[in-house]
Structure formats: C-alpha cells, structure tokens
Amino acid sequence: MNIVRRCKRCGVLQDIGFMHYNNQVGWLCDHRQSCSIRLYNEKREKTGCEKVKERDLYKKALLKWGTDAQIQMTIEECAELIVVLAKANRNINGSTYEEITEELADVLIMIKQMELLFPNLEKVKEIKLKKLGELLCHI
C-alpha cells in the first residue's frame, strides 16, 4: 500500500516509506536527501557561501582548525554517537532515530577528515576486507 504525504520541508507530494526503529514508528520521506540538498543549495545561495567539493571542504576544515583540534573533535563526535546509541538501546530519554542519524552524520564527516590525515587507504581497505571476511565466517 502506497501512502502519499506532503513533505513538510518543501511541500512536494511523495510516496512515504514506513519504518520501525526500536519499537517506535516513524516516517521517512523518499526524497529526504534530494530535498535537503535543494534546501542547502538555496541557503548557500542566499548566504553567499562558496560552492566547494566535499573533499576540498574537509581539507579546508583541517587547515582552519588544525590536526589536533580535528582529531579531538572526532573523538568527541564518536563519543556523542556512543551515548545516543546507548540511550536508544536502553530507552533512556527516548533517543530518536533523528538524533542517531545526526550523530552518525557528524562521525562520518570527521572520519572523512581523518582519511585525509591518515592517507594509507590501501592498508585500511586491506584490513577492512579481512575483517569483513571474518564477519562473513561468523554469520
């Protein structure tokens, strides 16, 4: 059964996907990402922010705040994600899907910066594949 709702962000009518998370019911908009990108671009144009490639943005952040500060920020963002996940797991203060996704996004942004600081990606890929192989054996 398809359910159609109007997006609260942009007003476009879209099919809405149904999801369950931690015994909570929520709605996910099929076009959430494209809607967010469109709204971000509109905001960027209004504020006069320059258009930058994602990788270049990570480099600029590292240059502006420095290596030590960004490593510390990565630690803090990981810690915040851990706290939100622990609360969701124990149903404390009703950590929501939105809180988890926001913290996850923060961690992913910081990880991309760490990839620039520690550029031995071939070794990382090698270790990742090894660990995925181990995981496969356990499933």
N, C-alpha and C. Protein backbone atom coordinates (compact mmCIF):
# COMPACT_ATOMS: atom_id res chain seq x y z
N MET A 1 0.85 -1.18 0.00
CA MET A 1 0.00 0.00 0.00
C MET A 1 0.89 1.24 0.00
N ASN A 2 0.71 2.11 -0.96
CA ASN A 2 1.46 3.34 -1.03
C ASN A 2 0.71 4.43 -0.28
N ILE A 3 1.42 5.16 0.53
CA ILE A 3 0.86 6.28 1.26
C ILE A 3 1.54 7.53 0.74
N VAL A 4 0.76 8.54 0.43
CA VAL A 4 1.32 9.78 -0.10
C VAL A 4 1.10 10.88 0.93
N ARG A 5 2.17 11.64 1.18
CA ARG A 5 2.10 12.78 2.08
C ARG A 5 2.85 13.95 1.47
N ARG A 6 2.53 15.12 1.95
CA ARG A 6 3.24 16.32 1.51
C ARG A 6 4.45 16.52 2.42
N CYS A 7 5.60 16.72 1.81
CA CYS A 7 6.83 16.93 2.56
C CYS A 7 6.72 18.24 3.33
N LYS A 8 7.03 18.20 4.63
CA LYS A 8 6.96 19.41 5.46
C LYS A 8 8.05 20.41 5.08
N ARG A 9 9.12 19.91 4.48
CA ARG A 9 10.23 20.80 4.14
C ARG A 9 9.98 21.57 2.86
N CYS A 10 9.54 20.86 1.81
CA CYS A 10 9.47 21.53 0.50
C CYS A 10 8.06 21.52 -0.10
N GLY A 11 7.12 20.79 0.49
CA GLY A 11 5.76 20.79 0.01
C GLY A 11 5.47 19.84 -1.13
N VAL A 12 6.47 19.08 -1.58
CA VAL A 12 6.28 18.15 -2.69
C VAL A 12 5.53 16.92 -2.19
N LEU A 13 4.56 16.45 -3.00
CA LEU A 13 3.86 15.21 -2.67
C LEU A 13 4.76 14.04 -3.04
N GLN A 14 4.94 13.10 -2.10
CA GLN A 14 5.83 11.97 -2.31
C GLN A 14 5.24 10.73 -1.68
N ASP A 15 5.61 9.57 -2.25
CA ASP A 15 5.33 8.31 -1.56
C ASP A 15 6.15 8.31 -0.28
N ILE A 16 5.58 7.86 0.78
CA ILE A 16 6.27 7.84 2.06
C ILE A 16 6.57 6.39 2.41
N GLY A 17 7.81 6.12 2.79
CA GLY A 17 8.21 4.79 3.22
C GLY A 17 7.97 4.63 4.71
N PHE A 18 7.58 3.47 5.11
CA PHE A 18 7.27 3.18 6.51
C PHE A 18 8.47 2.51 7.14
N MET A 19 8.79 2.87 8.37
CA MET A 19 9.92 2.23 9.03
C MET A 19 9.63 2.03 10.50
N HIS A 20 10.31 1.06 11.08
CA HIS A 20 10.25 0.82 12.52
C HIS A 20 11.65 0.99 13.06
N TYR A 21 11.79 1.60 14.20
CA TYR A 21 13.07 1.65 14.86
C TYR A 21 12.84 1.58 16.37
N ASN A 22 13.41 0.58 17.00
CA ASN A 22 13.36 0.46 18.45
C ASN A 22 11.93 0.58 18.98
N ASN A 23 11.03 -0.15 18.35
CA ASN A 23 9.62 -0.16 18.71
C ASN A 23 8.95 1.20 18.56
N GLN A 24 9.58 2.10 17.85
CA GLN A 24 8.96 3.38 17.57
C GLN A 24 8.59 3.39 16.09
N VAL A 25 7.54 4.08 15.76
CA VAL A 25 7.11 4.15 14.38
C VAL A 25 7.45 5.53 13.85
N GLY A 26 8.00 5.58 12.66
CA GLY A 26 8.33 6.87 12.07
C GLY A 26 8.08 6.87 10.58
N TRP A 27 8.21 8.01 9.97
CA TRP A 27 8.02 8.14 8.53
C TRP A 27 9.30 8.65 7.91
N LEU A 28 9.67 8.05 6.80
CA LEU A 28 10.83 8.51 6.06
C LEU A 28 10.37 9.00 4.70
N CYS A 29 10.76 10.18 4.34
CA CYS A 29 10.42 10.73 3.04
C CYS A 29 11.38 10.18 2.00
N ASP A 30 10.87 9.67 0.89
CA ASP A 30 11.71 9.09 -0.16
C ASP A 30 12.71 10.10 -0.70
N HIS A 31 12.35 11.36 -0.69
CA HIS A 31 13.23 12.36 -1.29
C HIS A 31 13.94 13.20 -0.25
N ARG A 32 14.08 12.67 0.97
CA ARG A 32 14.70 13.44 2.06
C ARG A 32 16.05 14.00 1.65
N GLN A 33 16.91 13.17 1.04
CA GLN A 33 18.24 13.64 0.70
C GLN A 33 18.19 14.71 -0.38
N SER A 34 17.42 14.49 -1.44
CA SER A 34 17.37 15.49 -2.50
C SER A 34 16.71 16.78 -2.01
N CYS A 35 15.72 16.64 -1.13
CA CYS A 35 15.08 17.80 -0.53
C CYS A 35 16.10 18.58 0.30
N SER A 36 16.89 17.87 1.10
CA SER A 36 17.90 18.51 1.93
C SER A 36 18.94 19.22 1.08
N ILE A 37 19.36 18.58 0.01
CA ILE A 37 20.36 19.19 -0.87
C ILE A 37 19.81 20.45 -1.52
N ARG A 38 18.54 20.38 -1.96
CA ARG A 38 17.93 21.56 -2.59
C ARG A 38 17.84 22.71 -1.59
N LEU A 39 17.39 22.42 -0.37
CA LEU A 39 17.27 23.46 0.65
C LEU A 39 18.64 24.00 1.04
N TYR A 40 19.65 23.10 1.10
CA TYR A 40 21.02 23.54 1.41
C TYR A 40 21.52 24.48 0.32
N ASN A 41 21.30 24.12 -0.94
CA ASN A 41 21.76 24.95 -2.04
C ASN A 41 21.08 26.32 -2.03
N GLU A 42 19.78 26.34 -1.71
CA GLU A 42 19.06 27.62 -1.62
C GLU A 42 19.66 28.48 -0.51
N LYS A 43 19.94 27.87 0.65
CA LYS A 43 20.52 28.60 1.78
C LYS A 43 21.91 29.11 1.42
N ARG A 44 22.70 28.25 0.75
CA ARG A 44 24.05 28.63 0.36
C ARG A 44 24.01 29.83 -0.57
N GLU A 45 23.07 29.83 -1.53
CA GLU A 45 22.96 30.93 -2.47
C GLU A 45 22.55 32.23 -1.76
N LYS A 46 21.66 32.12 -0.77
CA LYS A 46 21.21 33.31 -0.04
C LYS A 46 22.32 33.89 0.82
N THR A 47 23.16 33.02 1.41
CA THR A 47 24.20 33.50 2.32
C THR A 47 25.50 33.83 1.60
N GLY A 48 25.60 33.47 0.33
CA GLY A 48 26.80 33.76 -0.43
C GLY A 48 27.96 32.82 -0.16
N CYS A 49 27.69 31.66 0.44
CA CYS A 49 28.74 30.68 0.66
C CYS A 49 29.25 30.17 -0.68
N GLU A 50 30.57 29.94 -0.74
CA GLU A 50 31.13 29.42 -1.99
C GLU A 50 30.75 27.96 -2.17
N LYS A 51 30.75 27.54 -3.43
CA LYS A 51 30.48 26.14 -3.74
C LYS A 51 31.82 25.41 -3.73
N VAL A 52 31.90 24.33 -2.95
CA VAL A 52 33.16 23.62 -2.76
C VAL A 52 32.91 22.12 -2.87
N LYS A 53 33.87 21.40 -3.47
CA LYS A 53 33.78 19.95 -3.49
C LYS A 53 33.93 19.43 -2.07
N GLU A 54 33.28 18.30 -1.79
CA GLU A 54 33.26 17.75 -0.45
C GLU A 54 34.68 17.52 0.09
N ARG A 55 35.53 16.90 -0.69
CA ARG A 55 36.91 16.61 -0.24
C ARG A 55 37.65 17.91 0.07
N ASP A 56 37.45 18.94 -0.75
CA ASP A 56 38.10 20.22 -0.51
C ASP A 56 37.59 20.87 0.78
N LEU A 57 36.32 20.67 1.07
CA LEU A 57 35.75 21.20 2.31
C LEU A 57 36.41 20.57 3.53
N TYR A 58 36.64 19.25 3.47
CA TYR A 58 37.34 18.57 4.56
C TYR A 58 38.75 19.12 4.73
N LYS A 59 39.43 19.36 3.61
CA LYS A 59 40.79 19.92 3.67
C LYS A 59 40.77 21.31 4.31
N LYS A 60 39.78 22.13 3.92
CA LYS A 60 39.68 23.48 4.47
C LYS A 60 39.44 23.45 5.98
N ALA A 61 38.60 22.51 6.42
CA ALA A 61 38.34 22.38 7.86
C ALA A 61 39.62 22.01 8.61
N LEU A 62 40.38 21.08 8.04
CA LEU A 62 41.65 20.68 8.67
C LEU A 62 42.63 21.84 8.72
N LEU A 63 42.69 22.63 7.66
CA LEU A 63 43.59 23.78 7.64
C LEU A 63 43.15 24.86 8.63
N LYS A 64 41.85 25.08 8.71
CA LYS A 64 41.34 26.15 9.59
C LYS A 64 41.54 25.81 11.06
N TRP A 65 41.14 24.60 11.47
CA TRP A 65 41.16 24.27 12.89
C TRP A 65 42.38 23.45 13.31
N GLY A 66 43.08 22.88 12.37
CA GLY A 66 44.30 22.15 12.69
C GLY A 66 44.06 20.68 12.99
N THR A 67 45.13 19.93 12.86
CA THR A 67 45.08 18.48 13.02
C THR A 67 44.65 18.06 14.41
N ASP A 68 45.29 18.62 15.43
CA ASP A 68 44.98 18.21 16.81
C ASP A 68 43.53 18.48 17.16
N ALA A 69 43.03 19.66 16.77
CA ALA A 69 41.64 20.01 17.08
C ALA A 69 40.66 19.08 16.38
N GLN A 70 40.96 18.71 15.14
CA GLN A 70 40.04 17.84 14.40
C GLN A 70 40.11 16.39 14.90
N ILE A 71 41.26 15.96 15.36
CA ILE A 71 41.33 14.63 15.99
C ILE A 71 40.50 14.63 17.26
N GLN A 72 40.63 15.69 18.06
CA GLN A 72 39.83 15.80 19.29
C GLN A 72 38.34 15.84 18.97
N MET A 73 37.98 16.58 17.92
CA MET A 73 36.57 16.66 17.52
C MET A 73 36.05 15.30 17.08
N THR A 74 36.88 14.52 16.41
CA THR A 74 36.49 13.17 16.00
C THR A 74 36.20 12.31 17.23
N ILE A 75 37.05 12.41 18.22
CA ILE A 75 36.83 11.68 19.48
C ILE A 75 35.50 12.09 20.11
N GLU A 76 35.25 13.39 20.16
CA GLU A 76 34.01 13.90 20.77
C GLU A 76 32.78 13.45 20.00
N GLU A 77 32.84 13.52 18.67
CA GLU A 77 31.68 13.11 17.87
C GLU A 77 31.42 11.61 18.02
N CYS A 78 32.47 10.80 18.07
CA CYS A 78 32.29 9.36 18.30
C CYS A 78 31.65 9.12 19.66
N ALA A 79 32.10 9.87 20.65
CA ALA A 79 31.55 9.72 22.00
C ALA A 79 30.06 10.09 22.02
N GLU A 80 29.70 11.15 21.33
CA GLU A 80 28.29 11.55 21.28
C GLU A 80 27.44 10.48 20.62
N LEU A 81 27.95 9.86 19.56
CA LEU A 81 27.22 8.78 18.91
C LEU A 81 27.07 7.59 19.86
N ILE A 82 28.11 7.27 20.58
CA ILE A 82 28.06 6.17 21.55
C ILE A 82 26.98 6.43 22.60
N VAL A 83 26.92 7.64 23.10
CA VAL A 83 25.93 7.99 24.13
C VAL A 83 24.51 7.86 23.59
N VAL A 84 24.27 8.39 22.40
CA VAL A 84 22.92 8.34 21.81
C VAL A 84 22.51 6.89 21.55
N LEU A 85 23.43 6.08 21.04
CA LEU A 85 23.12 4.67 20.78
C LEU A 85 22.86 3.91 22.08
N ALA A 86 23.64 4.20 23.10
CA ALA A 86 23.43 3.53 24.40
C ALA A 86 22.08 3.90 24.98
N LYS A 87 21.71 5.18 24.87
CA LYS A 87 20.41 5.61 25.38
C LYS A 87 19.27 4.98 24.60
N ALA A 88 19.44 4.89 23.29
CA ALA A 88 18.40 4.28 22.46
C ALA A 88 18.25 2.81 22.81
N ASN A 89 19.37 2.16 23.04
CA ASN A 89 19.37 0.74 23.37
C ASN A 89 18.68 0.47 24.70
N ARG A 90 18.82 1.40 25.63
CA ARG A 90 18.21 1.25 26.95
C ARG A 90 16.92 2.05 27.10
N ASN A 91 16.48 2.69 26.01
CA ASN A 91 15.27 3.52 26.02
C ASN A 91 15.31 4.62 27.07
N ILE A 92 16.45 5.25 27.22
CA ILE A 92 16.60 6.35 28.17
C ILE A 92 16.38 7.66 27.44
N ASN A 93 15.54 8.48 27.99
CA ASN A 93 15.23 9.80 27.44
C ASN A 93 14.81 9.75 25.98
N GLY A 94 14.36 8.61 25.52
CA GLY A 94 13.81 8.49 24.17
C GLY A 94 14.70 8.95 23.04
N SER A 95 15.97 8.51 23.03
CA SER A 95 16.82 8.84 21.89
C SER A 95 16.09 8.44 20.61
N THR A 96 16.04 9.35 19.70
CA THR A 96 15.26 9.12 18.50
C THR A 96 16.14 8.78 17.30
N TYR A 97 15.48 8.29 16.29
CA TYR A 97 16.15 7.99 15.02
C TYR A 97 16.87 9.23 14.50
N GLU A 98 16.24 10.40 14.63
CA GLU A 98 16.83 11.64 14.14
C GLU A 98 18.12 11.97 14.88
N GLU A 99 18.14 11.77 16.21
CA GLU A 99 19.35 12.04 16.98
C GLU A 99 20.48 11.11 16.56
N ILE A 100 20.14 9.85 16.35
CA ILE A 100 21.15 8.88 15.94
C ILE A 100 21.69 9.23 14.56
N THR A 101 20.82 9.55 13.62
CA THR A 101 21.28 9.87 12.27
C THR A 101 22.11 11.15 12.25
N GLU A 102 21.75 12.12 13.09
CA GLU A 102 22.53 13.36 13.15
C GLU A 102 23.94 13.08 13.68
N GLU A 103 24.04 12.31 14.75
CA GLU A 103 25.36 11.99 15.30
C GLU A 103 26.16 11.13 14.34
N LEU A 104 25.49 10.21 13.65
CA LEU A 104 26.17 9.37 12.67
C LEU A 104 26.74 10.23 11.54
N ALA A 105 25.97 11.22 11.09
CA ALA A 105 26.45 12.13 10.05
C ALA A 105 27.69 12.90 10.52
N ASP A 106 27.66 13.37 11.78
CA ASP A 106 28.81 14.08 12.33
C ASP A 106 30.05 13.19 12.34
N VAL A 107 29.88 11.94 12.76
CA VAL A 107 31.00 11.00 12.81
C VAL A 107 31.54 10.73 11.40
N LEU A 108 30.66 10.54 10.44
CA LEU A 108 31.10 10.28 9.07
C LEU A 108 31.88 11.46 8.49
N ILE A 109 31.45 12.68 8.81
CA ILE A 109 32.19 13.87 8.37
C ILE A 109 33.59 13.88 8.96
N MET A 110 33.69 13.57 10.23
CA MET A 110 35.00 13.56 10.88
C MET A 110 35.87 12.41 10.36
N ILE A 111 35.28 11.27 10.08
CA ILE A 111 36.05 10.14 9.54
C ILE A 111 36.65 10.52 8.18
N LYS A 112 35.89 11.23 7.36
CA LYS A 112 36.42 11.66 6.07
C LYS A 112 37.63 12.58 6.27
N GLN A 113 37.61 13.42 7.29
CA GLN A 113 38.76 14.26 7.58
C GLN A 113 39.95 13.42 8.06
N MET A 114 39.65 12.39 8.85
CA MET A 114 40.72 11.51 9.33
C MET A 114 41.35 10.73 8.18
N GLU A 115 40.55 10.40 7.17
CA GLU A 115 41.09 9.73 5.99
C GLU A 115 42.12 10.61 5.28
N LEU A 116 41.93 11.92 5.34
CA LEU A 116 42.90 12.83 4.74
C LEU A 116 44.17 12.92 5.59
N LEU A 117 44.00 12.83 6.91
CA LEU A 117 45.16 12.90 7.81
C LEU A 117 45.98 11.62 7.78
N PHE A 118 45.31 10.51 7.64
CA PHE A 118 45.96 9.19 7.64
C PHE A 118 45.68 8.53 6.30
N PRO A 119 46.41 8.93 5.26
CA PRO A 119 46.03 8.59 3.89
C PRO A 119 46.39 7.18 3.40
N ASN A 120 46.80 6.29 4.26
CA ASN A 120 47.16 4.95 3.83
C ASN A 120 45.90 4.13 3.60
N LEU A 121 45.09 4.56 2.63
CA LEU A 121 43.79 3.94 2.39
C LEU A 121 43.89 2.52 1.87
N GLU A 122 44.97 2.19 1.17
CA GLU A 122 45.12 0.82 0.68
C GLU A 122 45.23 -0.15 1.86
N LYS A 123 45.97 0.23 2.87
CA LYS A 123 46.11 -0.62 4.05
C LYS A 123 44.77 -0.70 4.79
N VAL A 124 44.07 0.41 4.87
CA VAL A 124 42.75 0.43 5.52
C VAL A 124 41.79 -0.50 4.77
N LYS A 125 41.78 -0.41 3.45
CA LYS A 125 40.91 -1.28 2.64
C LYS A 125 41.27 -2.75 2.84
N GLU A 126 42.58 -3.04 2.92
CA GLU A 126 43.03 -4.41 3.13
C GLU A 126 42.53 -4.96 4.48
N ILE A 127 42.68 -4.15 5.52
CA ILE A 127 42.23 -4.57 6.86
C ILE A 127 40.71 -4.71 6.88
N LYS A 128 40.02 -3.77 6.24
CA LYS A 128 38.55 -3.81 6.19
C LYS A 128 38.07 -5.09 5.51
N LEU A 129 38.69 -5.45 4.38
CA LEU A 129 38.30 -6.67 3.68
C LEU A 129 38.55 -7.91 4.54
N LYS A 130 39.67 -7.92 5.25
CA LYS A 130 39.98 -9.03 6.13
C LYS A 130 38.91 -9.16 7.22
N LYS A 131 38.53 -8.04 7.82
CA LYS A 131 37.53 -8.05 8.88
C LYS A 131 36.15 -8.44 8.35
N LEU A 132 35.83 -8.00 7.13
CA LEU A 132 34.56 -8.40 6.52
C LEU A 132 34.54 -9.89 6.26
N GLY A 133 35.68 -10.44 5.86
CA GLY A 133 35.78 -11.89 5.66
C GLY A 133 35.56 -12.64 6.97
N GLU A 134 36.13 -12.12 8.06
CA GLU A 134 35.91 -12.73 9.37
C GLU A 134 34.45 -12.66 9.78
N LEU A 135 33.83 -11.51 9.50
CA LEU A 135 32.41 -11.34 9.82
C LEU A 135 31.57 -12.34 9.04
N LEU A 136 31.89 -12.50 7.78
CA LEU A 136 31.16 -13.45 6.93
C LEU A 136 31.23 -14.86 7.50
N CYS A 137 32.39 -15.23 8.02
CA CYS A 137 32.55 -16.57 8.61
C CYS A 137 31.69 -16.75 9.86
N HIS A 138 31.40 -15.66 10.56
CA HIS A 138 30.62 -15.74 11.80
C HIS A 138 29.11 -15.66 11.59
N ILE A 139 28.71 -15.29 10.39
CA ILE A 139 27.27 -15.11 10.12
C ILE A 139 26.67 -16.43 9.70
